[in-house]
C-alpha atoms as a PDB file:
ATOM      1  CA  MET A   1      65.967 -97.930 -48.669  1.00  0.00           C
ATOM      2  CA  HIS A   2      68.439 -99.824 -50.015  1.00  0.00           C
ATOM      3  CA  GLY A   3      69.213-101.851 -46.209  1.00  0.00           C
ATOM      4  CA  SER A   4      70.042 -99.275 -44.287  1.00  0.00           C
ATOM      5  CA  ASP A   5      69.537 -99.250 -40.549  1.00  0.00           C
ATOM      6  CA  LEU A   6      66.941 -98.432 -39.560  1.00  0.00           C
ATOM      7  CA  THR A   7      67.440 -95.384 -37.235  1.00  0.00           C
ATOM      8  CA  LEU A   8      66.049 -95.222 -33.456  1.00  0.00           C
ATOM      9  CA  TRP A   9      64.115 -92.140 -35.438  1.00  0.00           C
ATOM     10  CA  GLN A  10      62.111 -94.175 -38.019  1.00  0.00           C
ATOM     11  CA  LEU A  11      61.530 -97.096 -35.011  1.00  0.00           C
ATOM     12  CA  ALA A  12      59.695 -94.404 -32.763  1.00  0.00           C
ATOM     13  CA  SER A  13      57.680 -93.285 -35.470  1.00  0.00           C
ATOM     14  CA  ALA A  14      56.042 -96.282 -36.036  1.00  0.00           C
ATOM     15  CA  TYR A  15      54.242 -96.338 -32.734  1.00  0.00           C
ATOM     16  CA  ILE A  16      52.195 -94.430 -34.320  1.00  0.00           C
ATOM     17  CA  PHE A  17      49.779 -97.328 -34.756  1.00  0.00           C
ATOM     18  CA  ILE A  18      49.975 -98.090 -30.616  1.00  0.00           C
ATOM     19  CA  LEU A  19      48.927 -94.218 -30.653  1.00  0.00           C
ATOM     20  CA  ILE A  20      46.049 -94.972 -33.789  1.00  0.00           C
ATOM     21  CA  LEU A  21      45.254 -98.108 -31.416  1.00  0.00           C
ATOM     22  CA  LEU A  22      44.552 -96.164 -28.436  1.00  0.00           C
ATOM     23  CA  VAL A  23      42.685 -93.679 -29.463  1.00  0.00           C
ATOM     24  CA  ILE A  24      40.118 -96.274 -30.735  1.00  0.00           C
ATOM     25  CA  VAL A  25      39.237 -97.698 -28.219  1.00  0.00           C
ATOM     26  CA  LYS A  26      38.800 -94.783 -25.871  1.00  0.00           C
ATOM     27  CA  ILE A  27      36.618 -93.186 -28.509  1.00  0.00           C
ATOM     28  CA  LYS A  28      35.080 -96.912 -28.585  1.00  0.00           C
ATOM     29  CA  GLY A  29      34.940 -96.885 -24.950  1.00  0.00           C
ATOM     30  CA  ILE A  30      36.869-100.446 -24.687  1.00  0.00           C
ATOM     31  CA  HIS A  31      38.765-100.186 -21.514  1.00  0.00           C
ATOM     32  CA  ARG A  32      41.874-101.833 -23.002  1.00  0.00           C
ATOM     33  CA  GLU A  33      44.466 -98.648 -23.187  1.00  0.00           C
ATOM     34  CA  ARG A  34      46.717-100.544 -19.998  1.00  0.00           C
ATOM     35  CA  GLU A  35      46.662-103.632 -21.913  1.00  0.00           C
ATOM     36  CA  ILE A  36      47.625-101.650 -24.552  1.00  0.00           C
ATOM     37  CA  LEU A  37      50.363 -99.960 -23.214  1.00  0.00           C
ATOM     38  CA  ILE A  38      51.465-102.551 -20.966  1.00  0.00           C
ATOM     39  CA  SER A  39      51.873-104.750 -23.937  1.00  0.00           C
ATOM     40  CA  SER A  40      53.455-101.813 -25.581  1.00  0.00           C
ATOM     41  CA  VAL A  41      56.171-101.274 -23.442  1.00  0.00           C
ATOM     42  CA  ARG A  42      57.180-105.103 -22.334  1.00  0.00           C
ATOM     43  CA  MET A  43      57.701-105.951 -26.429  1.00  0.00           C
ATOM     44  CA  THR A  44      60.320-102.609 -26.276  1.00  0.00           C
ATOM     45  CA  VAL A  45      62.211-104.038 -23.353  1.00  0.00           C
ATOM     46  CA  GLN A  46      61.917-107.352 -24.034  1.00  0.00           C
ATOM     47  CA  LEU A  47      63.319-107.450 -27.390  1.00  0.00           C
ATOM     48  CA  MET A  48      65.795-104.805 -26.677  1.00  0.00           C
ATOM     49  CA  ILE A  49      67.719-106.690 -24.366  1.00  0.00           C
ATOM     50  CA  VAL A  50      67.826-109.977 -26.274  1.00  0.00           C
ATOM     51  CA  GLY A  51      68.845-107.921 -28.960  1.00  0.00           C
ATOM     52  CA  TYR A  52      71.580-106.183 -27.185  1.00  0.00           C
ATOM     53  CA  ILE A  53      72.086-110.466 -25.709  1.00  0.00           C
ATOM     54  CA  LEU A  54      72.480-111.394 -28.674  1.00  0.00           C
ATOM     55  CA  ALA A  55      74.900-108.462 -30.020  1.00  0.00           C
ATOM     56  CA  TYR A  56      77.510-110.255 -27.207  1.00  0.00           C
ATOM     57  CA  ILE A  57      76.800-113.736 -28.040  1.00  0.00           C
ATOM     58  CA  PHE A  58      77.096-112.941 -32.271  1.00  0.00           C
ATOM     59  CA  GLY A  59      80.108-111.500 -31.405  1.00  0.00           C
ATOM     60  CA  HIS A  60      82.187-114.218 -28.380  1.00  0.00           C
ATOM     61  CA  ALA A  61      80.107-117.292 -29.879  1.00  0.00           C
ATOM     62  CA  ASN A  62      80.711-120.344 -27.347  1.00  0.00           C
ATOM     63  CA  PRO A  63      79.499-123.687 -27.524  1.00  0.00           C
ATOM     64  CA  LEU A  64      78.092-123.661 -24.085  1.00  0.00           C
ATOM     65  CA  ALA A  65      75.959-119.744 -24.264  1.00  0.00           C
ATOM     66  CA  THR A  66      74.419-121.268 -27.230  1.00  0.00           C
ATOM     67  CA  VAL A  67      73.074-125.124 -25.176  1.00  0.00           C
ATOM     68  CA  LEU A  68      72.223-122.743 -22.361  1.00  0.00           C
ATOM     69  CA  ILE A  69      69.990-120.549 -24.255  1.00  0.00           C
ATOM     70  CA  LEU A  70      68.452-122.760 -26.307  1.00  0.00           C
ATOM     71  CA  LEU A  71      67.483-124.948 -23.579  1.00  0.00           C
ATOM     72  CA  LEU A  72      66.299-121.605 -21.675  1.00  0.00           C
ATOM     73  CA  MET A  73      63.966-121.336 -24.457  1.00  0.00           C
ATOM     74  CA  LEU A  74      62.915-124.226 -24.349  1.00  0.00           C
ATOM     75  CA  LEU A  75      62.117-124.440 -20.875  1.00  0.00           C
ATOM     76  CA  PHE A  76      60.067-121.706 -21.096  1.00  0.00           C
ATOM     77  CA  ALA A  77      58.122-122.990 -24.456  1.00  0.00           C
ATOM     78  CA  ILE A  78      57.143-125.376 -21.740  1.00  0.00           C
ATOM     79  CA  TYR A  79      56.261-123.465 -19.262  1.00  0.00           C
ATOM     80  CA  ASN A  80      54.389-121.737 -21.533  1.00  0.00           C
ATOM     81  CA  ILE A  81      52.842-125.252 -22.698  1.00  0.00           C
ATOM     82  CA  PHE A  82      51.705-125.816 -18.797  1.00  0.00           C
ATOM     83  CA  GLN A  83      50.581-122.422 -18.415  1.00  0.00           C
ATOM     84  CA  ARG A  84      48.181-122.539 -21.895  1.00  0.00           C
ATOM     85  CA  ALA A  85      46.293-125.217 -20.527  1.00  0.00           C
ATOM     86  CA  LYS A  86      42.288-124.986 -20.419  1.00  0.00           C
ATOM     87  CA  LEU A  87      42.312-127.981 -17.662  1.00  0.00           C
ATOM     88  CA  PRO A  88      44.163-128.928 -14.454  1.00  0.00           C
ATOM     89  CA  LEU A  89      47.537-131.283 -15.678  1.00  0.00           C
ATOM     90  CA  ASN A  90      49.380-134.371 -13.596  1.00  0.00           C
ATOM     91  CA  ARG A  91      52.647-134.917 -13.058  1.00  0.00           C
ATOM     92  CA  VAL A  92      52.860-137.706 -15.710  1.00  0.00           C
ATOM     93  CA  LEU A  93      51.604-135.703 -18.452  1.00  0.00           C
ATOM     94  CA  LYS A  94      53.923-132.633 -17.378  1.00  0.00           C
ATOM     95  CA  LYS A  95      56.315-135.159 -18.002  1.00  0.00           C
ATOM     96  CA  ARG A  96      55.325-136.329 -20.955  1.00  0.00           C
ATOM     97  CA  ILE A  97      55.249-132.712 -22.529  1.00  0.00           C
ATOM     98  CA  ALA A  98      58.391-131.824 -21.503  1.00  0.00           C
ATOM     99  CA  LEU A  99      59.683-135.085 -22.981  1.00  0.00           C
ATOM    100  CA  ALA A 100      57.666-134.933 -26.267  1.00  0.00           C
ATOM    101  CA  MET A 101      58.863-131.323 -26.803  1.00  0.00           C
ATOM    102  CA  CYS A 102      62.905-131.806 -25.554  1.00  0.00           C
ATOM    103  CA  ILE A 103      63.168-134.830 -28.597  1.00  0.00           C
ATOM    104  CA  GLY A 104      61.175-133.333 -31.257  1.00  0.00           C
ATOM    105  CA  VAL A 105      62.648-129.852 -30.788  1.00  0.00           C
ATOM    106  CA  ALA A 106      66.202-131.282 -30.598  1.00  0.00           C
ATOM    107  CA  ALA A 107      65.716-134.092 -32.877  1.00  0.00           C
ATOM    108  CA  THR A 108      64.800-131.537 -35.835  1.00  0.00           C
ATOM    109  CA  LEU A 109      66.464-128.206 -34.412  1.00  0.00           C
ATOM    110  CA  SER A 110      70.226-131.009 -34.674  1.00  0.00           C
ATOM    111  CA  TYR A 111      68.932-132.522 -38.060  1.00  0.00           C
ATOM    112  CA  PHE A 112      68.713-129.293 -39.102  1.00  0.00           C
ATOM    113  CA  VAL A 113      71.432-127.695 -38.551  1.00  0.00           C
ATOM    114  CA  LEU A 114      73.502-130.021 -39.746  1.00  0.00           C
ATOM    115  CA  VAL A 115      72.118-130.992 -42.384  1.00  0.00           C
ATOM    116  CA  THR A 116      70.126-129.032 -44.153  1.00  0.00           C
ATOM    117  CA  LEU A 117      71.905-125.549 -43.844  1.00  0.00           C
ATOM    118  CA  SER A 118      75.406-127.362 -42.282  1.00  0.00           C
ATOM    119  CA  VAL A 119      76.123-124.617 -40.506  1.00  0.00           C
ATOM    120  CA  SER A 120      80.049-124.865 -38.980  1.00  0.00           C
ATOM    121  CA  PRO A 121      80.171-124.420 -36.358  1.00  0.00           C
ATOM    122  CA  TRP A 122      77.279-125.833 -35.073  1.00  0.00           C
ATOM    123  CA  TYR A 123      76.888-123.506 -31.916  1.00  0.00           C
ATOM    124  CA  ASN A 124      77.189-120.980 -34.143  1.00  0.00           C
ATOM    125  CA  PRO A 125      74.780-118.444 -32.448  1.00  0.00           C
ATOM    126  CA  ARG A 126      74.079-116.133 -34.897  1.00  0.00           C
ATOM    127  CA  TYR A 127      72.577-119.671 -37.339  1.00  0.00           C
ATOM    128  CA  VAL A 128      70.625-121.713 -34.130  1.00  0.00           C
ATOM    129  CA  ILE A 129      68.982-119.244 -32.057  1.00  0.00           C
ATOM    130  CA  PRO A 130      67.515-118.253 -34.441  1.00  0.00           C
ATOM    131  CA  ILE A 131      66.378-121.236 -35.788  1.00  0.00           C
ATOM    132  CA  ALA A 132      65.384-122.778 -32.973  1.00  0.00           C
ATOM    133  CA  GLY A 133      63.329-119.488 -31.819  1.00  0.00           C
ATOM    134  CA  MET A 134      60.912-119.901 -34.877  1.00  0.00           C
ATOM    135  CA  ILE A 135      60.982-123.972 -34.487  1.00  0.00           C
ATOM    136  CA  ILE A 136      60.326-124.099 -30.965  1.00  0.00           C
ATOM    137  CA  GLY A 137      57.915-121.039 -30.751  1.00  0.00           C
ATOM    138  CA  ASN A 138      55.436-123.018 -33.662  1.00  0.00           C
ATOM    139  CA  THR A 139      56.508-126.256 -31.784  1.00  0.00           C
ATOM    140  CA  MET A 140      55.260-124.442 -28.274  1.00  0.00           C
ATOM    141  CA  THR A 141      51.752-123.470 -29.652  1.00  0.00           C
ATOM    142  CA  GLY A 142      51.385-127.141 -31.887  1.00  0.00           C
ATOM    143  CA  VAL A 143      51.292-129.086 -28.252  1.00  0.00           C
ATOM    144  CA  SER A 144      49.187-125.835 -26.812  1.00  0.00           C
ATOM    145  CA  LEU A 145      47.064-126.551 -28.873  1.00  0.00           C
ATOM    146  CA  GLY A 146      47.139-130.893 -28.117  1.00  0.00           C
ATOM    147  CA  VAL A 147      47.350-130.378 -24.906  1.00  0.00           C
ATOM    148  CA  ASN A 148      43.987-128.429 -24.636  1.00  0.00           C
ATOM    149  CA  THR A 149      42.516-130.495 -26.806  1.00  0.00           C
ATOM    150  CA  LEU A 150      43.274-133.351 -25.544  1.00  0.00           C
ATOM    151  CA  LEU A 151      42.023-132.600 -22.268  1.00  0.00           C
ATOM    152  CA  GLU A 152      38.785-131.842 -23.541  1.00  0.00           C
ATOM    153  CA  GLY A 153      38.546-134.507 -25.268  1.00  0.00           C
ATOM    154  CA  MET A 154      38.766-136.817 -22.216  1.00  0.00           C
ATOM    155  CA  ARG A 155      36.650-134.742 -20.451  1.00  0.00           C
ATOM    156  CA  SER A 156      33.390-134.695 -22.606  1.00  0.00           C
ATOM    157  CA  LYS A 157      34.500-138.032 -24.157  1.00  0.00           C
ATOM    158  CA  ARG A 158      34.505-139.991 -20.797  1.00  0.00           C
ATOM    159  CA  ASN A 159      31.665-142.111 -21.395  1.00  0.00           C
ATOM    160  CA  LEU A 160      32.968-142.787 -24.861  1.00  0.00           C
ATOM    161  CA  VAL A 161      36.107-143.962 -23.874  1.00  0.00           C
ATOM    162  CA  GLU A 162      34.825-146.154 -20.565  1.00  0.00           C
ATOM    163  CA  THR A 163      32.119-148.170 -22.964  1.00  0.00           C
ATOM    164  CA  ALA A 164      35.163-149.000 -25.525  1.00  0.00           C
ATOM    165  CA  LEU A 165      37.122-150.063 -22.031  1.00  0.00           C
ATOM    166  CA  MET A 166      34.673-152.438 -21.092  1.00  0.00           C
ATOM    167  CA  LEU A 167      34.316-153.958 -24.476  1.00  0.00           C
ATOM    168  CA  GLY A 168      37.561-154.758 -23.893  1.00  0.00           C
ATOM    169  CA  GLY A 169      39.685-152.176 -25.939  1.00  0.00           C
ATOM    170  CA  THR A 170      43.164-151.286 -24.953  1.00  0.00           C
ATOM    171  CA  PRO A 171      43.547-148.014 -23.990  1.00  0.00           C
ATOM    172  CA  ALA A 172      45.003-146.573 -27.082  1.00  0.00           C
ATOM    173  CA  ASP A 173      42.381-148.378 -28.951  1.00  0.00           C
ATOM    174  CA  ALA A 174      39.326-146.060 -26.724  1.00  0.00           C
ATOM    175  CA  SER A 175      41.769-142.813 -27.665  1.00  0.00           C
ATOM    176  CA  ARG A 176      42.495-142.885 -30.796  1.00  0.00           C
ATOM    177  CA  PRO A 177      39.834-141.049 -31.986  1.00  0.00           C
ATOM    178  CA  ILE A 178      40.379-137.953 -29.562  1.00  0.00           C
ATOM    179  CA  LEU A 179      44.084-138.464 -30.406  1.00  0.00           C
ATOM    180  CA  ASN A 180      43.454-138.076 -34.117  1.00  0.00           C
ATOM    181  CA  GLN A 181      40.994-134.843 -33.017  1.00  0.00           C
ATOM    182  CA  ALA A 182      44.465-133.347 -30.733  1.00  0.00           C
ATOM    183  CA  PHE A 183      47.164-134.292 -33.984  1.00  0.00           C
ATOM    184  CA  ASP A 184      44.662-132.984 -36.017  1.00  0.00           C
ATOM    185  CA  SER A 185      44.003-129.679 -33.821  1.00  0.00           C
ATOM    186  CA  ALA A 186      47.957-129.067 -33.078  1.00  0.00           C
ATOM    187  CA  MET A 187      49.265-129.168 -36.964  1.00  0.00           C
ATOM    188  CA  LEU A 188      45.605-127.159 -38.713  1.00  0.00           C
ATOM    189  CA  PRO A 189      47.697-123.686 -37.860  1.00  0.00           C
ATOM    190  CA  THR A 190      50.751-124.493 -39.300  1.00  0.00           C
ATOM    191  CA  ILE A 191      49.378-125.909 -42.201  1.00  0.00           C
ATOM    192  CA  ASN A 192      46.993-123.146 -42.957  1.00  0.00           C
ATOM    193  CA  SER A 193      49.597-120.511 -42.925  1.00  0.00           C
ATOM    194  CA  MET A 194      51.912-123.381 -45.535  1.00  0.00           C
ATOM    195  CA  VAL A 195      48.693-122.905 -48.195  1.00  0.00           C
ATOM    196  CA  GLY A 196      48.563-118.999 -47.587  1.00  0.00           C
ATOM    197  CA  MET A 197      52.097-118.254 -47.635  1.00  0.00           C
ATOM    198  CA  GLY A 198      53.596-116.464 -50.666  1.00  0.00           C
ATOM    199  CA  ILE A 199      50.573-115.162 -52.023  1.00  0.00           C
ATOM    200  CA  VAL A 200      48.049-114.030 -48.746  1.00  0.00           C
ATOM    201  CA  PHE A 201      50.934-112.610 -46.781  1.00  0.00           C
ATOM    202  CA  LEU A 202      55.302-113.042 -46.378  1.00  0.00           C
ATOM    203  CA  PRO A 203      56.495-114.383 -44.040  1.00  0.00           C
ATOM    204  CA  GLY A 204      58.423-111.829 -41.126  1.00  0.00           C
ATOM    205  CA  MET A 205      62.488-113.866 -41.971  1.00  0.00           C
ATOM    206  CA  MET A 206      61.831-114.033 -45.638  1.00  0.00           C
ATOM    207  CA  THR A 207      60.870-109.905 -45.685  1.00  0.00           C
ATOM    208  CA  GLY A 208      63.762-109.274 -42.692  1.00  0.00           C
ATOM    209  CA  GLN A 209      66.154-110.394 -45.132  1.00  0.00           C
ATOM    210  CA  ILE A 210      64.744-109.094 -48.325  1.00  0.00           C
ATOM    211  CA  ILE A 211      64.628-105.574 -46.747  1.00  0.00           C
ATOM    212  CA  GLY A 212      68.352-106.601 -45.417  1.00  0.00           C
ATOM    213  CA  GLY A 213      69.537-106.175 -49.349  1.00  0.00           C
ATOM    214  CA  ALA A 214      69.466-110.321 -49.902  1.00  0.00           C
ATOM    215  CA  SER A 215      68.225-111.764 -53.025  1.00  0.00           C
ATOM    216  CA  PRO A 216      64.887-112.358 -53.571  1.00  0.00           C
ATOM    217  CA  LEU A 217      65.145-116.687 -54.619  1.00  0.00           C
ATOM    218  CA  GLN A 218      67.967-116.620 -51.876  1.00  0.00           C
ATOM    219  CA  ALA A 219      64.819-115.540 -49.000  1.00  0.00           C
ATOM    220  CA  ILE A 220      62.493-117.682 -50.898  1.00  0.00           C
ATOM    221  CA  ARG A 221      64.968-120.993 -50.530  1.00  0.00           C
ATOM    222  CA  TYR A 222      65.820-119.989 -46.841  1.00  0.00           C
ATOM    223  CA  GLN A 223      62.063-119.621 -45.957  1.00  0.00           C
ATOM    224  CA  ILE A 224      60.637-122.734 -47.724  1.00  0.00           C
ATOM    225  CA  ALA A 225      63.348-124.733 -45.779  1.00  0.00           C
ATOM    226  CA  VAL A 226      62.756-123.304 -42.540  1.00  0.00           C
ATOM    227  CA  MET A 227      59.354-123.523 -42.582  1.00  0.00           C
ATOM    228  CA  LEU A 228      60.458-127.442 -43.658  1.00  0.00           C
ATOM    229  CA  GLY A 229      61.924-127.565 -40.351  1.00  0.00           C
ATOM    230  CA  ILE A 230      59.043-125.826 -38.418  1.00  0.00           C
ATOM    231  CA  VAL A 231      55.769-128.444 -39.716  1.00  0.00           C
ATOM    232  CA  GLY A 232      58.464-131.651 -39.452  1.00  0.00           C
ATOM    233  CA  GLY A 233      59.270-130.195 -35.523  1.00  0.00           C
ATOM    234  CA  ALA A 234      55.323-129.870 -34.674  1.00  0.00           C
ATOM    235  CA  SER A 235      54.257-132.699 -36.300  1.00  0.00           C
ATOM    236  CA  LEU A 236      56.792-134.871 -34.945  1.00  0.00           C
ATOM    237  CA  THR A 237      57.126-133.223 -31.730  1.00  0.00           C
ATOM    238  CA  VAL A 238      52.992-133.273 -31.290  1.00  0.00           C
ATOM    239  CA  LEU A 239      52.670-136.815 -32.791  1.00  0.00           C
ATOM    240  CA  LEU A 240      55.421-137.724 -30.172  1.00  0.00           C
ATOM    241  CA  PHE A 241      53.109-136.283 -27.779  1.00  0.00           C
ATOM    242  CA  VAL A 242      50.073-138.044 -28.204  1.00  0.00           C
ATOM    243  CA  GLU A 243      50.938-141.190 -28.265  1.00  0.00           C
ATOM    244  CA  ILE A 244      52.789-141.026 -24.893  1.00  0.00           C
ATOM    245  CA  GLY A 245      50.504-138.439 -23.431  1.00  0.00           C
ATOM    246  CA  TYR A 246      47.397-140.276 -23.817  1.00  0.00           C
ATOM    247  CA  LYS A 247      48.489-143.051 -21.285  1.00  0.00           C
ATOM    248  CA  ALA A 248      48.860-140.253 -18.799  1.00  0.00           C
ATOM    249  CA  PHE A 249      44.933-140.741 -18.443  1.00  0.00           C
ATOM    250  CA  PHE A 250      45.193-144.694 -17.181  1.00  0.00           C
ATOM    251  CA  ASN A 251      46.275-146.335 -14.583  1.00  0.00           C
ATOM    252  CA  ASN A 252      48.010-149.720 -14.615  1.00  0.00           C
ATOM    253  CA  ARG A 253      45.359-151.722 -15.341  1.00  0.00           C
ATOM    254  CA  SER A 254      44.366-149.597 -18.101  1.00  0.00           C
ATOM    255  CA  GLN A 255      41.669-147.827 -16.095  1.00  0.00           C
ATOM    256  CA  LEU A 256      40.629-144.107 -17.076  1.00  0.00           C
ATOM    257  CA  ARG A 257      41.472-142.077 -14.069  1.00  0.00           C
ATOM    258  CA  GLU A 258      41.273-137.721 -13.470  1.00  0.00           C
ATOM    259  CA  PRO A 259      43.671-136.027 -15.353  1.00  0.00           C
ATOM    260  CA  PHE A 260      43.497-133.820 -12.467  1.00  0.00           C
ATOM    261  CA  ASN A 261      46.619-132.684 -10.142  1.00  0.00           C
ATOM    262  CA  GLU A 262      48.152-133.229  -6.956  1.00  0.00           C
ATOM    263  CA  HIS A 263      46.903-129.610  -5.507  1.00  0.00           C
ATOM    264  CA  GLU A 264      43.212-130.006  -7.590  1.00  0.00           C
ATOM    265  CA  LYS A 265      42.482-133.720  -6.013  1.00  0.00           C
ATOM    266  CA  ALA A 266      43.530-132.053  -2.640  1.00  0.00           C
ATOM    267  CA  LYS A 267      40.914-129.375  -2.933  1.00  0.00           C
ATOM    268  CA  ARG A 268      38.200-131.357  -4.131  1.00  0.00           C
END
């Protein structure tokens, strides 16, 4: 193909895999046809819309537009974390999740764009937006896992935490095993992807660059740099979250409290 553009007919031919999947679930009696169709249509429409928006923004680089898109991406990621929580979140915990995401993503992205890639101008959307999407997306996944592990740990190990508090431990000491488990759970998928990268699979960004005609060695350099940025962003944000997030489970007298929000309290 030698880096040629993908035509609409070629793109349409890829939907044969969706048709095969629909036939399989129909034969197996797995009633997922509607979900598969809706998710396929949504994915197509959303990406097409984003494609046109990015095409315009890339052709009209503007710092305000770039920052606005980054903020929207970050806000949507924070909202997704709230939605993915398996247990209710109180207001304090939500604020700490948002704070950790904002600081972690901003610090990582700033360093990566300004130092690692030396993007000029700094708001060049062709570089900043795709890289921000990878960092924010992976960080969102890590923090979501960390939040759920922390919530479940505080609920299931409540007695152990209270015992540690009664024995004179601080909230930080009593929560430490749960916090370590939350950090470990959050980082495990990213670490696993690093282990298999290059042998088990080729990352999407690297594959796209190679198909687009870039040198494999150059594509590898970018992929390594981006992967290190993703790991740095996820680890920094998750670490920041667990270190400030656990405090939402304790009152001013260092007593353990329920992590329910006000709406759930009213129902109870």
